[in-house]
Amino acid sequence: MNVNTIDTCINKYGRSVYITDEGWNSKIYNAFVQPLRYKNKMYLSGSFNELGHYGEGYYLYIGPAKENFDNLSKRALLHTADGKSYKIERYEKIFLKEKPLYIWAVIKRREW
């Protein structure tokens, strides 16, 4: 497995997203955004519902390593093509040896 394989998969199967942060907008790129399931409960203190995911609007983000979250403010938002917005609650870079493979994050849906 290498960075190119991960990036190809994310680009091919991910959905269109972009980030806004204090007047700055990223370019549109692809990432996976999926509801956090019951098996992921160790990451958050949400509650399990009958559909099998947390009912508090938490989602799992997996995106390309080149879309780094390190310099974003706490007000940064991730937006999907369907008009939904998410706050980045927690993120980590996932590495293969010393090379970042992808960004893993827990994001929370913003209700306006």
N, C-alpha and C. Protein backbone atom coordinates (compact mmCIF):
# COMPACT_ATOMS: atom_id res chain seq x y z
N MET A 1 0.85 -1.18 0.00
CA MET A 1 0.00 0.00 0.00
C MET A 1 0.89 1.24 0.00
N ASN A 2 0.49 2.23 -0.78
CA ASN A 2 1.25 3.48 -0.80
C ASN A 2 0.31 4.66 -0.92
N VAL A 3 0.89 5.85 -0.87
CA VAL A 3 0.10 7.08 -0.90
C VAL A 3 -0.71 7.17 -2.19
N ASN A 4 -0.13 6.79 -3.32
CA ASN A 4 -0.85 6.88 -4.59
C ASN A 4 -2.08 5.99 -4.61
N THR A 5 -2.00 4.80 -4.03
CA THR A 5 -3.15 3.90 -3.96
C THR A 5 -4.27 4.51 -3.13
N ILE A 6 -3.93 5.05 -1.98
CA ILE A 6 -4.92 5.69 -1.10
C ILE A 6 -5.55 6.89 -1.81
N ASP A 7 -4.71 7.76 -2.39
CA ASP A 7 -5.23 8.94 -3.09
C ASP A 7 -6.14 8.57 -4.25
N THR A 8 -5.76 7.54 -5.01
CA THR A 8 -6.59 7.09 -6.13
C THR A 8 -7.96 6.64 -5.64
N CYS A 9 -7.99 5.88 -4.57
CA CYS A 9 -9.26 5.39 -4.00
C CYS A 9 -10.12 6.56 -3.52
N ILE A 10 -9.52 7.50 -2.80
CA ILE A 10 -10.27 8.66 -2.30
C ILE A 10 -10.80 9.49 -3.46
N ASN A 11 -9.96 9.73 -4.47
CA ASN A 11 -10.39 10.53 -5.63
C ASN A 11 -11.49 9.85 -6.42
N LYS A 12 -11.42 8.54 -6.54
CA LYS A 12 -12.40 7.80 -7.34
C LYS A 12 -13.74 7.64 -6.63
N TYR A 13 -13.71 7.36 -5.33
CA TYR A 13 -14.93 7.01 -4.61
C TYR A 13 -15.41 8.05 -3.59
N GLY A 14 -14.59 9.03 -3.29
CA GLY A 14 -14.97 10.05 -2.31
C GLY A 14 -15.96 11.05 -2.89
N ARG A 15 -16.49 11.88 -2.00
CA ARG A 15 -17.43 12.92 -2.44
C ARG A 15 -16.74 14.27 -2.45
N SER A 16 -17.29 15.21 -3.19
CA SER A 16 -16.71 16.54 -3.31
C SER A 16 -16.88 17.32 -2.02
N VAL A 17 -15.77 17.88 -1.53
CA VAL A 17 -15.78 18.68 -0.31
C VAL A 17 -14.86 19.88 -0.49
N TYR A 18 -15.02 20.87 0.39
CA TYR A 18 -14.07 21.98 0.46
C TYR A 18 -14.11 22.54 1.88
N ILE A 19 -13.09 23.31 2.23
CA ILE A 19 -12.96 23.87 3.57
C ILE A 19 -13.02 25.38 3.49
N THR A 20 -13.69 26.00 4.46
CA THR A 20 -13.66 27.45 4.62
C THR A 20 -13.07 27.76 5.99
N ASP A 21 -12.31 28.85 6.05
CA ASP A 21 -11.69 29.25 7.31
C ASP A 21 -11.36 30.74 7.28
N GLU A 22 -12.14 31.52 7.99
CA GLU A 22 -11.91 32.96 8.14
C GLU A 22 -11.65 33.65 6.80
N GLY A 23 -12.56 33.48 5.86
CA GLY A 23 -12.47 34.14 4.56
C GLY A 23 -11.68 33.39 3.51
N TRP A 24 -11.04 32.30 3.88
CA TRP A 24 -10.27 31.48 2.94
C TRP A 24 -11.08 30.26 2.55
N ASN A 25 -11.03 29.89 1.27
CA ASN A 25 -11.69 28.67 0.77
C ASN A 25 -10.65 27.77 0.12
N SER A 26 -10.68 26.49 0.46
CA SER A 26 -9.80 25.53 -0.22
C SER A 26 -10.37 25.25 -1.60
N LYS A 27 -9.59 24.57 -2.40
CA LYS A 27 -10.12 24.08 -3.66
C LYS A 27 -11.05 22.91 -3.35
N ILE A 28 -11.88 22.53 -4.28
CA ILE A 28 -12.75 21.37 -4.11
C ILE A 28 -11.90 20.11 -4.32
N TYR A 29 -12.06 19.16 -3.43
CA TYR A 29 -11.34 17.89 -3.53
C TYR A 29 -12.27 16.78 -3.05
N ASN A 30 -11.85 15.54 -3.14
CA ASN A 30 -12.69 14.41 -2.72
C ASN A 30 -12.23 13.84 -1.39
N ALA A 31 -13.20 13.39 -0.60
CA ALA A 31 -12.93 12.76 0.70
C ALA A 31 -14.13 11.88 1.03
N PHE A 32 -13.93 10.97 1.97
CA PHE A 32 -15.04 10.16 2.48
C PHE A 32 -15.64 10.86 3.69
N VAL A 33 -16.95 10.99 3.72
CA VAL A 33 -17.68 11.53 4.87
C VAL A 33 -18.82 10.55 5.15
N GLN A 34 -18.74 9.86 6.28
CA GLN A 34 -19.71 8.82 6.63
C GLN A 34 -20.13 8.97 8.08
N PRO A 35 -21.38 8.60 8.41
CA PRO A 35 -21.81 8.66 9.82
C PRO A 35 -20.94 7.75 10.68
N LEU A 36 -20.65 8.21 11.89
CA LEU A 36 -19.93 7.36 12.84
C LEU A 36 -20.87 6.27 13.31
N ARG A 37 -20.44 5.06 13.24
CA ARG A 37 -21.25 3.91 13.62
C ARG A 37 -21.03 3.55 15.08
N TYR A 38 -21.87 2.68 15.58
CA TYR A 38 -21.81 2.23 16.97
C TYR A 38 -20.43 1.70 17.33
N LYS A 39 -19.80 0.97 16.41
CA LYS A 39 -18.49 0.39 16.71
C LYS A 39 -17.42 1.45 16.93
N ASN A 40 -17.68 2.69 16.52
CA ASN A 40 -16.73 3.78 16.70
C ASN A 40 -16.97 4.57 17.98
N LYS A 41 -17.78 4.06 18.90
CA LYS A 41 -18.18 4.82 20.07
C LYS A 41 -17.02 5.23 20.96
N MET A 42 -15.88 4.59 20.84
CA MET A 42 -14.77 4.95 21.70
C MET A 42 -14.24 6.35 21.41
N TYR A 43 -14.60 6.94 20.28
CA TYR A 43 -14.10 8.27 19.93
C TYR A 43 -14.92 9.40 20.53
N LEU A 44 -16.15 9.14 20.88
CA LEU A 44 -17.06 10.20 21.33
C LEU A 44 -17.96 9.68 22.42
N SER A 45 -18.61 10.59 23.11
CA SER A 45 -19.55 10.18 24.16
C SER A 45 -20.98 10.42 23.68
N GLY A 46 -21.31 9.90 22.52
CA GLY A 46 -22.66 10.04 21.98
C GLY A 46 -23.54 8.91 22.45
N SER A 47 -24.72 8.83 21.88
CA SER A 47 -25.65 7.77 22.27
C SER A 47 -26.01 6.93 21.05
N PHE A 48 -26.16 5.64 21.27
CA PHE A 48 -26.51 4.70 20.21
C PHE A 48 -28.00 4.82 19.91
N ASN A 49 -28.37 4.83 18.64
CA ASN A 49 -29.79 4.81 18.30
C ASN A 49 -30.09 3.59 17.44
N GLU A 50 -31.35 3.40 17.10
CA GLU A 50 -31.78 2.19 16.41
C GLU A 50 -31.19 2.03 15.02
N LEU A 51 -30.68 3.08 14.42
CA LEU A 51 -30.08 2.98 13.09
C LEU A 51 -28.63 2.54 13.15
N GLY A 52 -28.06 2.49 14.34
CA GLY A 52 -26.71 1.99 14.48
C GLY A 52 -25.63 3.04 14.45
N HIS A 53 -25.99 4.31 14.54
CA HIS A 53 -24.96 5.35 14.60
C HIS A 53 -25.32 6.37 15.66
N TYR A 54 -24.37 7.21 15.95
CA TYR A 54 -24.58 8.23 16.97
C TYR A 54 -25.59 9.24 16.48
N GLY A 55 -26.54 9.59 17.33
CA GLY A 55 -27.60 10.50 16.96
C GLY A 55 -27.25 11.96 17.15
N GLU A 56 -25.99 12.26 17.41
CA GLU A 56 -25.60 13.63 17.68
C GLU A 56 -24.93 14.31 16.48
N GLY A 57 -25.01 13.73 15.31
CA GLY A 57 -24.48 14.37 14.11
C GLY A 57 -22.99 14.23 13.89
N TYR A 58 -22.36 13.20 14.45
CA TYR A 58 -20.93 12.99 14.25
C TYR A 58 -20.68 12.12 13.02
N TYR A 59 -19.61 12.47 12.30
CA TYR A 59 -19.25 11.77 11.07
C TYR A 59 -17.76 11.48 11.04
N LEU A 60 -17.40 10.46 10.28
CA LEU A 60 -16.01 10.11 10.05
C LEU A 60 -15.57 10.73 8.73
N TYR A 61 -14.43 11.39 8.74
CA TYR A 61 -13.84 11.97 7.54
C TYR A 61 -12.54 11.23 7.26
N ILE A 62 -12.34 10.82 6.02
CA ILE A 62 -11.06 10.31 5.56
C ILE A 62 -10.74 11.04 4.26
N GLY A 63 -9.63 11.78 4.28
CA GLY A 63 -9.27 12.59 3.13
C GLY A 63 -7.79 12.51 2.82
N PRO A 64 -7.40 13.08 1.68
CA PRO A 64 -6.01 13.00 1.25
C PRO A 64 -5.06 13.72 2.22
N ALA A 65 -3.87 13.17 2.36
CA ALA A 65 -2.87 13.74 3.27
C ALA A 65 -2.47 15.16 2.86
N LYS A 66 -2.53 15.46 1.58
CA LYS A 66 -2.12 16.79 1.12
C LYS A 66 -3.08 17.89 1.57
N GLU A 67 -4.30 17.53 1.95
CA GLU A 67 -5.26 18.51 2.47
C GLU A 67 -5.10 18.57 3.99
N ASN A 68 -4.04 19.19 4.41
CA ASN A 68 -3.61 19.22 5.80
C ASN A 68 -4.48 20.16 6.65
N PHE A 69 -4.88 19.72 7.83
CA PHE A 69 -5.71 20.53 8.73
C PHE A 69 -4.89 21.30 9.76
N ASP A 70 -3.57 21.15 9.76
CA ASP A 70 -2.73 21.73 10.81
C ASP A 70 -2.86 23.24 10.98
N ASN A 71 -3.04 23.97 9.91
CA ASN A 71 -3.06 25.44 10.00
C ASN A 71 -4.46 26.03 10.04
N LEU A 72 -5.47 25.21 10.23
CA LEU A 72 -6.85 25.71 10.28
C LEU A 72 -7.18 26.23 11.67
N SER A 73 -8.04 27.24 11.72
CA SER A 73 -8.51 27.75 13.01
C SER A 73 -9.63 26.85 13.54
N LYS A 74 -10.04 27.09 14.76
CA LYS A 74 -11.14 26.32 15.36
C LYS A 74 -12.47 26.63 14.69
N ARG A 75 -12.53 27.69 13.90
CA ARG A 75 -13.76 28.06 13.20
C ARG A 75 -13.86 27.48 11.80
N ALA A 76 -12.86 26.73 11.39
CA ALA A 76 -12.87 26.14 10.04
C ALA A 76 -14.04 25.17 9.90
N LEU A 77 -14.62 25.15 8.71
CA LEU A 77 -15.73 24.24 8.42
C LEU A 77 -15.43 23.45 7.15
N LEU A 78 -15.86 22.21 7.16
CA LEU A 78 -15.81 21.35 5.98
C LEU A 78 -17.20 21.37 5.37
N HIS A 79 -17.29 21.55 4.05
CA HIS A 79 -18.57 21.61 3.35
C HIS A 79 -18.63 20.51 2.30
N THR A 80 -19.79 19.89 2.16
CA THR A 80 -20.00 18.88 1.13
C THR A 80 -20.84 19.48 0.00
N ALA A 81 -20.83 18.82 -1.15
CA ALA A 81 -21.52 19.33 -2.33
C ALA A 81 -23.03 19.43 -2.13
N ASP A 82 -23.59 18.68 -1.18
CA ASP A 82 -25.03 18.75 -0.93
C ASP A 82 -25.40 19.87 0.04
N GLY A 83 -24.46 20.76 0.35
CA GLY A 83 -24.75 21.94 1.15
C GLY A 83 -24.63 21.75 2.66
N LYS A 84 -24.17 20.60 3.12
CA LYS A 84 -24.02 20.37 4.55
C LYS A 84 -22.65 20.87 5.01
N SER A 85 -22.60 21.33 6.26
CA SER A 85 -21.36 21.85 6.84
C SER A 85 -21.02 21.10 8.11
N TYR A 86 -19.72 20.95 8.36
CA TYR A 86 -19.24 20.18 9.50
C TYR A 86 -18.08 20.90 10.17
N LYS A 87 -18.06 20.84 11.50
CA LYS A 87 -16.95 21.37 12.28
C LYS A 87 -15.96 20.22 12.51
N ILE A 88 -14.69 20.51 12.39
CA ILE A 88 -13.66 19.49 12.61
C ILE A 88 -13.41 19.39 14.11
N GLU A 89 -13.81 18.28 14.71
CA GLU A 89 -13.69 18.09 16.16
C GLU A 89 -12.31 17.56 16.55
N ARG A 90 -11.80 16.64 15.76
CA ARG A 90 -10.53 15.97 16.08
C ARG A 90 -9.99 15.39 14.79
N TYR A 91 -8.67 15.45 14.62
CA TYR A 91 -8.09 14.85 13.42
C TYR A 91 -6.70 14.30 13.73
N GLU A 92 -6.28 13.39 12.88
CA GLU A 92 -4.94 12.81 12.98
C GLU A 92 -4.44 12.50 11.58
N LYS A 93 -3.14 12.63 11.40
CA LYS A 93 -2.51 12.16 10.17
C LYS A 93 -2.18 10.69 10.38
N ILE A 94 -2.49 9.88 9.40
CA ILE A 94 -2.17 8.46 9.44
C ILE A 94 -0.95 8.24 8.54
N PHE A 95 0.08 7.59 9.10
CA PHE A 95 1.36 7.46 8.42
C PHE A 95 1.66 6.03 7.99
N LEU A 96 2.45 5.92 6.93
CA LEU A 96 3.12 4.69 6.54
C LEU A 96 4.60 5.01 6.63
N LYS A 97 5.26 4.44 7.63
CA LYS A 97 6.63 4.83 7.99
C LYS A 97 6.61 6.32 8.30
N GLU A 98 7.34 7.13 7.56
CA GLU A 98 7.38 8.57 7.84
C GLU A 98 6.54 9.39 6.87
N LYS A 99 5.80 8.74 6.00
CA LYS A 99 5.03 9.46 4.98
C LYS A 99 3.55 9.46 5.33
N PRO A 100 2.91 10.64 5.38
CA PRO A 100 1.47 10.67 5.67
C PRO A 100 0.66 10.02 4.54
N LEU A 101 -0.25 9.11 4.92
CA LEU A 101 -1.10 8.42 3.95
C LEU A 101 -2.41 9.15 3.72
N TYR A 102 -3.06 9.55 4.82
CA TYR A 102 -4.35 10.24 4.73
C TYR A 102 -4.63 10.95 6.05
N ILE A 103 -5.68 11.77 6.03
CA ILE A 103 -6.14 12.47 7.24
C ILE A 103 -7.41 11.77 7.71
N TRP A 104 -7.44 11.42 8.97
CA TRP A 104 -8.59 10.81 9.65
C TRP A 104 -9.15 11.87 10.58
N ALA A 105 -10.47 12.07 10.57
CA ALA A 105 -11.05 13.08 11.46
C ALA A 105 -12.45 12.69 11.91
N VAL A 106 -12.82 13.22 13.05
CA VAL A 106 -14.20 13.17 13.52
C VAL A 106 -14.74 14.58 13.30
N ILE A 107 -15.83 14.66 12.57
CA ILE A 107 -16.45 15.96 12.28
C ILE A 107 -17.89 15.94 12.78
N LYS A 108 -18.41 17.12 13.09
CA LYS A 108 -19.78 17.22 13.61
C LYS A 108 -20.60 18.12 12.71
N ARG A 109 -21.76 17.63 12.35
CA ARG A 109 -22.68 18.37 11.47
C ARG A 109 -23.10 19.67 12.13
N ARG A 110 -23.04 20.76 11.38
CA ARG A 110 -23.48 22.07 11.85
C ARG A 110 -24.90 22.31 11.38
N GLU A 111 -25.77 22.58 12.31
CA GLU A 111 -27.16 22.93 11.98
C GLU A 111 -27.29 24.44 12.09
N TRP A 112 -27.72 25.08 11.06
CA TRP A 112 -27.86 26.54 11.09
C TRP A 112 -29.21 26.84 11.57
